């Protein structure tokens, strides 16, 4: 992910991405980072994820639960809530509309 994207836009996109990942399975902070790497989002600063998780938890989009780890200390796993599901669906709709609009502009620009 390009680092010149404004931080507010990036946070909104990352929130949507995190919600989509958590829909598949609960995950802890570093695990989310590794999941993002699978989708070529390996330039996301790791220090961005934890504050965003805290904000998302305060908003009720996710719920954190401490669980024992097979290796090392207990980890806080995050689960998507009903409000998080609604927010994820809203993000997907907005993303699809934005993508459609930007693609239309790009197509028009390439014909100039």
N, C-alpha and C. Protein backbone atom coordinates (compact mmCIF):
# COMPACT_ATOMS: atom_id res chain seq x y z
N UNK A 1 0.85 -1.17 0.00
CA UNK A 1 0.00 0.00 0.00
C UNK A 1 0.90 1.23 0.00
N UNK A 2 0.58 2.18 -0.82
CA UNK A 2 1.41 3.37 -0.99
C UNK A 2 1.34 4.24 0.26
N UNK A 3 2.46 4.76 0.71
CA UNK A 3 2.52 5.51 1.96
C UNK A 3 2.06 6.95 1.83
N UNK A 4 1.86 7.47 0.62
CA UNK A 4 1.47 8.86 0.45
C UNK A 4 -0.04 9.07 0.59
N UNK A 5 -0.79 8.00 0.75
CA UNK A 5 -2.23 8.11 0.93
C UNK A 5 -2.48 8.82 2.26
N UNK A 6 -3.44 9.75 2.29
CA UNK A 6 -3.70 10.47 3.54
C UNK A 6 -4.06 9.50 4.64
N UNK A 7 -3.65 9.82 5.85
CA UNK A 7 -3.83 8.88 6.96
C UNK A 7 -5.30 8.60 7.25
N UNK A 8 -6.18 9.58 7.08
CA UNK A 8 -7.61 9.36 7.34
C UNK A 8 -8.20 8.38 6.32
N UNK A 9 -7.85 8.55 5.06
CA UNK A 9 -8.33 7.64 4.03
C UNK A 9 -7.78 6.24 4.30
N UNK A 10 -6.50 6.17 4.62
CA UNK A 10 -5.86 4.89 4.89
C UNK A 10 -6.53 4.19 6.07
N UNK A 11 -6.84 4.93 7.14
CA UNK A 11 -7.49 4.33 8.31
C UNK A 11 -8.85 3.76 7.95
N UNK A 12 -9.61 4.47 7.13
CA UNK A 12 -10.92 3.98 6.71
C UNK A 12 -10.81 2.71 5.89
N UNK A 13 -9.84 2.68 5.00
CA UNK A 13 -9.63 1.49 4.17
C UNK A 13 -9.15 0.33 5.03
N UNK A 14 -8.20 0.61 5.92
CA UNK A 14 -7.68 -0.45 6.79
C UNK A 14 -8.77 -1.01 7.70
N UNK A 15 -9.64 -0.14 8.18
CA UNK A 15 -10.75 -0.61 9.00
C UNK A 15 -11.59 -1.61 8.22
N UNK A 16 -11.94 -1.26 6.99
CA UNK A 16 -12.72 -2.17 6.15
C UNK A 16 -11.99 -3.48 5.90
N UNK A 17 -10.69 -3.40 5.66
CA UNK A 17 -9.89 -4.60 5.42
C UNK A 17 -9.87 -5.49 6.67
N UNK A 18 -9.65 -4.86 7.82
CA UNK A 18 -9.62 -5.63 9.07
C UNK A 18 -10.96 -6.32 9.31
N UNK A 19 -12.05 -5.61 9.08
CA UNK A 19 -13.37 -6.21 9.27
C UNK A 19 -13.58 -7.40 8.32
N UNK A 20 -13.11 -7.27 7.09
CA UNK A 20 -13.25 -8.39 6.15
C UNK A 20 -12.41 -9.59 6.59
N UNK A 21 -11.21 -9.34 7.08
CA UNK A 21 -10.36 -10.44 7.56
C UNK A 21 -11.00 -11.11 8.77
N UNK A 22 -11.53 -10.31 9.70
CA UNK A 22 -12.13 -10.88 10.91
C UNK A 22 -13.44 -11.61 10.63
N UNK A 23 -14.06 -11.34 9.48
CA UNK A 23 -15.24 -12.09 9.09
C UNK A 23 -14.87 -13.55 8.84
N UNK A 24 -13.67 -13.75 8.32
CA UNK A 24 -13.21 -15.12 8.01
C UNK A 24 -12.84 -15.89 9.27
N UNK A 25 -12.16 -15.21 10.21
CA UNK A 25 -11.76 -15.86 11.47
C UNK A 25 -11.27 -14.82 12.46
N UNK A 26 -11.42 -15.08 13.77
CA UNK A 26 -10.84 -14.18 14.77
C UNK A 26 -9.32 -14.14 14.62
N UNK A 27 -8.73 -13.03 14.96
CA UNK A 27 -7.28 -12.88 14.78
C UNK A 27 -6.74 -11.93 15.84
N UNK A 28 -5.46 -12.04 16.14
CA UNK A 28 -4.80 -11.11 17.05
C UNK A 28 -4.02 -10.11 16.21
N UNK A 29 -3.49 -9.06 16.83
CA UNK A 29 -2.87 -7.96 16.10
C UNK A 29 -1.82 -8.37 15.09
N UNK A 30 -0.82 -9.11 15.55
CA UNK A 30 0.25 -9.52 14.63
C UNK A 30 -0.29 -10.48 13.57
N UNK A 31 -1.24 -11.31 13.95
CA UNK A 31 -1.87 -12.22 12.98
C UNK A 31 -2.59 -11.45 11.88
N UNK A 32 -3.23 -10.33 12.27
CA UNK A 32 -3.88 -9.48 11.26
C UNK A 32 -2.85 -8.93 10.28
N UNK A 33 -1.72 -8.52 10.83
CA UNK A 33 -0.63 -8.01 10.00
C UNK A 33 -0.19 -9.06 8.99
N UNK A 34 -0.05 -10.30 9.44
CA UNK A 34 0.37 -11.39 8.54
C UNK A 34 -0.70 -11.67 7.49
N UNK A 35 -1.96 -11.58 7.90
CA UNK A 35 -3.06 -11.78 6.93
C UNK A 35 -3.02 -10.69 5.86
N UNK A 36 -2.74 -9.45 6.26
CA UNK A 36 -2.65 -8.35 5.29
C UNK A 36 -1.51 -8.59 4.32
N UNK A 37 -0.41 -9.15 4.81
CA UNK A 37 0.72 -9.47 3.94
C UNK A 37 0.29 -10.42 2.83
N UNK A 38 -0.63 -11.33 3.13
CA UNK A 38 -1.12 -12.29 2.12
C UNK A 38 -1.80 -11.58 0.95
N UNK A 39 -2.31 -10.37 1.21
CA UNK A 39 -3.01 -9.60 0.17
C UNK A 39 -2.14 -8.44 -0.33
N UNK A 40 -0.83 -8.59 -0.19
CA UNK A 40 0.13 -7.59 -0.65
C UNK A 40 -0.04 -6.23 0.03
N UNK A 41 -0.46 -6.25 1.27
CA UNK A 41 -0.59 -5.03 2.05
C UNK A 41 0.52 -4.98 3.10
N UNK A 42 1.71 -5.36 2.68
CA UNK A 42 2.83 -5.48 3.62
C UNK A 42 3.52 -4.16 3.93
N UNK A 43 3.09 -3.07 3.32
CA UNK A 43 3.67 -1.76 3.65
C UNK A 43 2.87 -1.03 4.71
N UNK A 44 1.82 -1.67 5.24
CA UNK A 44 1.03 -1.04 6.29
C UNK A 44 1.89 -1.01 7.55
N UNK A 45 2.14 0.18 8.10
CA UNK A 45 2.96 0.26 9.31
C UNK A 45 2.30 -0.53 10.45
N UNK A 46 3.07 -1.39 11.08
CA UNK A 46 2.53 -2.25 12.14
C UNK A 46 1.98 -1.41 13.30
N UNK A 47 2.57 -0.23 13.52
CA UNK A 47 2.10 0.65 14.58
C UNK A 47 0.75 1.28 14.30
N UNK A 48 0.24 1.12 13.10
CA UNK A 48 -1.06 1.66 12.72
C UNK A 48 -2.18 0.72 13.14
N UNK A 49 -1.90 -0.56 13.16
CA UNK A 49 -2.93 -1.57 13.39
C UNK A 49 -3.49 -1.51 14.82
N UNK A 50 -2.62 -1.46 15.82
CA UNK A 50 -3.09 -1.54 17.20
C UNK A 50 -3.96 -0.35 17.62
N UNK A 51 -3.58 0.89 17.30
CA UNK A 51 -4.48 2.01 17.64
C UNK A 51 -5.83 1.90 16.92
N UNK A 52 -5.80 1.41 15.69
CA UNK A 52 -7.03 1.25 14.93
C UNK A 52 -7.92 0.18 15.57
N UNK A 53 -7.31 -0.91 16.04
CA UNK A 53 -8.08 -1.96 16.73
C UNK A 53 -8.75 -1.39 17.99
N UNK A 54 -8.02 -0.56 18.72
CA UNK A 54 -8.57 0.06 19.93
C UNK A 54 -9.78 0.94 19.58
N UNK A 55 -9.64 1.74 18.53
CA UNK A 55 -10.74 2.60 18.09
C UNK A 55 -11.94 1.77 17.64
N UNK A 56 -11.67 0.72 16.88
CA UNK A 56 -12.76 -0.13 16.39
C UNK A 56 -13.48 -0.83 17.54
N UNK A 57 -12.71 -1.20 18.55
CA UNK A 57 -13.32 -1.85 19.72
C UNK A 57 -14.20 -0.85 20.47
N UNK A 58 -13.74 0.38 20.62
CA UNK A 58 -14.53 1.43 21.29
C UNK A 58 -15.82 1.71 20.54
N UNK A 59 -15.76 1.62 19.23
CA UNK A 59 -16.96 1.86 18.39
C UNK A 59 -17.90 0.66 18.35
N UNK A 60 -17.46 -0.45 18.91
CA UNK A 60 -18.32 -1.64 18.97
C UNK A 60 -18.28 -2.49 17.71
N UNK A 61 -17.30 -2.24 16.81
CA UNK A 61 -17.21 -3.02 15.58
C UNK A 61 -16.55 -4.37 15.80
N UNK A 62 -15.70 -4.44 16.82
CA UNK A 62 -15.01 -5.68 17.15
C UNK A 62 -15.01 -5.84 18.67
N UNK A 63 -14.77 -7.08 19.09
CA UNK A 63 -14.66 -7.37 20.51
C UNK A 63 -13.37 -8.15 20.73
N UNK A 64 -12.57 -7.67 21.67
CA UNK A 64 -11.31 -8.34 21.98
C UNK A 64 -11.48 -9.27 23.16
N UNK A 65 -10.92 -10.50 23.02
CA UNK A 65 -10.97 -11.49 24.10
C UNK A 65 -9.58 -12.09 24.27
N UNK A 66 -9.10 -12.08 25.50
CA UNK A 66 -7.78 -12.67 25.79
C UNK A 66 -7.91 -14.19 25.78
N UNK A 67 -6.97 -14.82 25.07
CA UNK A 67 -6.98 -16.27 24.98
C UNK A 67 -5.56 -16.79 25.14
N UNK A 68 -5.41 -17.97 25.73
CA UNK A 68 -4.07 -18.55 25.84
C UNK A 68 -3.51 -18.84 24.45
N UNK A 69 -2.22 -18.71 24.34
CA UNK A 69 -1.53 -18.99 23.08
C UNK A 69 -0.83 -20.33 23.18
N UNK A 70 -0.73 -21.03 22.07
CA UNK A 70 0.00 -22.30 22.05
C UNK A 70 1.49 -22.06 22.29
N UNK A 71 1.95 -20.90 21.87
CA UNK A 71 3.35 -20.52 22.10
C UNK A 71 3.38 -19.12 22.68
N UNK A 72 3.98 -18.95 23.84
CA UNK A 72 4.12 -17.63 24.43
C UNK A 72 2.94 -17.22 25.29
N UNK A 73 2.87 -15.90 25.56
CA UNK A 73 1.83 -15.38 26.46
C UNK A 73 0.44 -15.38 25.83
N UNK A 74 -0.56 -15.06 26.64
CA UNK A 74 -1.92 -14.97 26.11
C UNK A 74 -1.98 -13.84 25.08
N UNK A 75 -2.89 -13.99 24.14
CA UNK A 75 -3.06 -12.99 23.09
C UNK A 75 -4.49 -12.48 23.11
N UNK A 76 -4.64 -11.26 22.65
CA UNK A 76 -5.98 -10.68 22.54
C UNK A 76 -6.47 -10.92 21.12
N UNK A 77 -7.46 -11.80 20.99
CA UNK A 77 -8.05 -12.09 19.69
C UNK A 77 -9.26 -11.19 19.49
N UNK A 78 -9.44 -10.74 18.27
CA UNK A 78 -10.52 -9.84 17.95
C UNK A 78 -11.58 -10.57 17.13
N UNK A 79 -12.83 -10.32 17.50
CA UNK A 79 -13.99 -10.92 16.85
C UNK A 79 -14.85 -9.80 16.31
N UNK A 80 -15.40 -10.00 15.12
CA UNK A 80 -16.29 -8.99 14.54
C UNK A 80 -17.65 -9.09 15.22
N UNK A 81 -18.27 -7.94 15.47
CA UNK A 81 -19.60 -7.89 16.09
C UNK A 81 -20.65 -7.66 14.99
N UNK A 82 -21.91 -7.65 15.40
CA UNK A 82 -23.00 -7.36 14.46
C UNK A 82 -22.82 -5.95 13.88
N UNK A 83 -22.46 -5.00 14.75
CA UNK A 83 -22.21 -3.63 14.26
C UNK A 83 -21.04 -3.62 13.29
N UNK A 84 -20.04 -4.46 13.54
CA UNK A 84 -18.89 -4.58 12.64
C UNK A 84 -19.29 -5.16 11.30
N UNK A 85 -20.18 -6.13 11.32
CA UNK A 85 -20.69 -6.72 10.07
C UNK A 85 -21.40 -5.64 9.25
N UNK A 86 -22.22 -4.85 9.92
CA UNK A 86 -22.94 -3.76 9.22
C UNK A 86 -21.95 -2.75 8.64
N UNK A 87 -20.93 -2.41 9.42
CA UNK A 87 -19.91 -1.46 8.97
C UNK A 87 -19.12 -2.03 7.79
N UNK A 88 -18.81 -3.31 7.84
CA UNK A 88 -18.10 -3.98 6.74
C UNK A 88 -18.92 -3.91 5.46
N UNK A 89 -20.21 -4.20 5.56
CA UNK A 89 -21.09 -4.16 4.38
C UNK A 89 -21.19 -2.75 3.81
N UNK A 90 -21.24 -1.77 4.69
CA UNK A 90 -21.26 -0.36 4.27
C UNK A 90 -19.96 -0.01 3.54
N UNK A 91 -18.83 -0.45 4.11
CA UNK A 91 -17.53 -0.20 3.49
C UNK A 91 -17.48 -0.80 2.08
N UNK A 92 -17.94 -2.03 1.94
CA UNK A 92 -17.91 -2.71 0.64
C UNK A 92 -18.74 -1.94 -0.39
N UNK A 93 -19.92 -1.50 0.00
CA UNK A 93 -20.78 -0.73 -0.92
C UNK A 93 -20.10 0.58 -1.32
N UNK A 94 -19.54 1.28 -0.35
CA UNK A 94 -18.87 2.55 -0.64
C UNK A 94 -17.63 2.33 -1.50
N UNK A 95 -16.88 1.27 -1.22
CA UNK A 95 -15.68 0.96 -1.99
C UNK A 95 -16.05 0.66 -3.45
N UNK A 96 -17.09 -0.14 -3.65
CA UNK A 96 -17.50 -0.48 -5.01
C UNK A 96 -17.93 0.75 -5.79
N UNK A 97 -18.65 1.66 -5.13
CA UNK A 97 -19.07 2.90 -5.80
C UNK A 97 -17.86 3.77 -6.13
N UNK A 98 -16.95 3.91 -5.17
CA UNK A 98 -15.75 4.70 -5.39
C UNK A 98 -14.91 4.12 -6.52
N UNK A 99 -14.74 2.81 -6.50
CA UNK A 99 -13.96 2.14 -7.54
C UNK A 99 -14.58 2.36 -8.92
N UNK A 100 -15.89 2.25 -8.99
CA UNK A 100 -16.60 2.46 -10.26
C UNK A 100 -16.37 3.89 -10.77
N UNK A 101 -16.49 4.86 -9.88
CA UNK A 101 -16.31 6.26 -10.27
C UNK A 101 -14.88 6.54 -10.71
N UNK A 102 -13.91 6.06 -9.95
CA UNK A 102 -12.51 6.30 -10.30
C UNK A 102 -12.15 5.59 -11.60
N UNK A 103 -12.61 4.36 -11.78
CA UNK A 103 -12.34 3.64 -13.02
C UNK A 103 -12.93 4.36 -14.23
N UNK A 104 -14.11 4.96 -14.05
CA UNK A 104 -14.74 5.73 -15.14
C UNK A 104 -13.86 6.94 -15.49
N UNK A 105 -13.37 7.63 -14.46
CA UNK A 105 -12.50 8.78 -14.70
C UNK A 105 -11.20 8.37 -15.38
N UNK A 106 -10.63 7.26 -14.96
CA UNK A 106 -9.39 6.77 -15.56
C UNK A 106 -9.61 6.42 -17.02
N UNK A 107 -10.72 5.76 -17.29
CA UNK A 107 -11.04 5.37 -18.67
C UNK A 107 -11.21 6.60 -19.55
N UNK A 108 -11.92 7.62 -19.05
CA UNK A 108 -12.10 8.85 -19.81
C UNK A 108 -10.77 9.56 -20.02
N UNK A 109 -9.92 9.56 -19.01
CA UNK A 109 -8.62 10.23 -19.09
C UNK A 109 -7.72 9.56 -20.11
N UNK A 110 -7.81 8.24 -20.21
CA UNK A 110 -6.94 7.52 -21.13
C UNK A 110 -7.35 7.72 -22.59
N UNK A 111 -8.57 8.23 -22.80
CA UNK A 111 -9.04 8.49 -24.16
C UNK A 111 -8.79 9.93 -24.61
N UNK A 112 -8.27 10.75 -23.72
CA UNK A 112 -8.00 12.16 -24.06
C UNK A 112 -6.75 12.30 -24.90
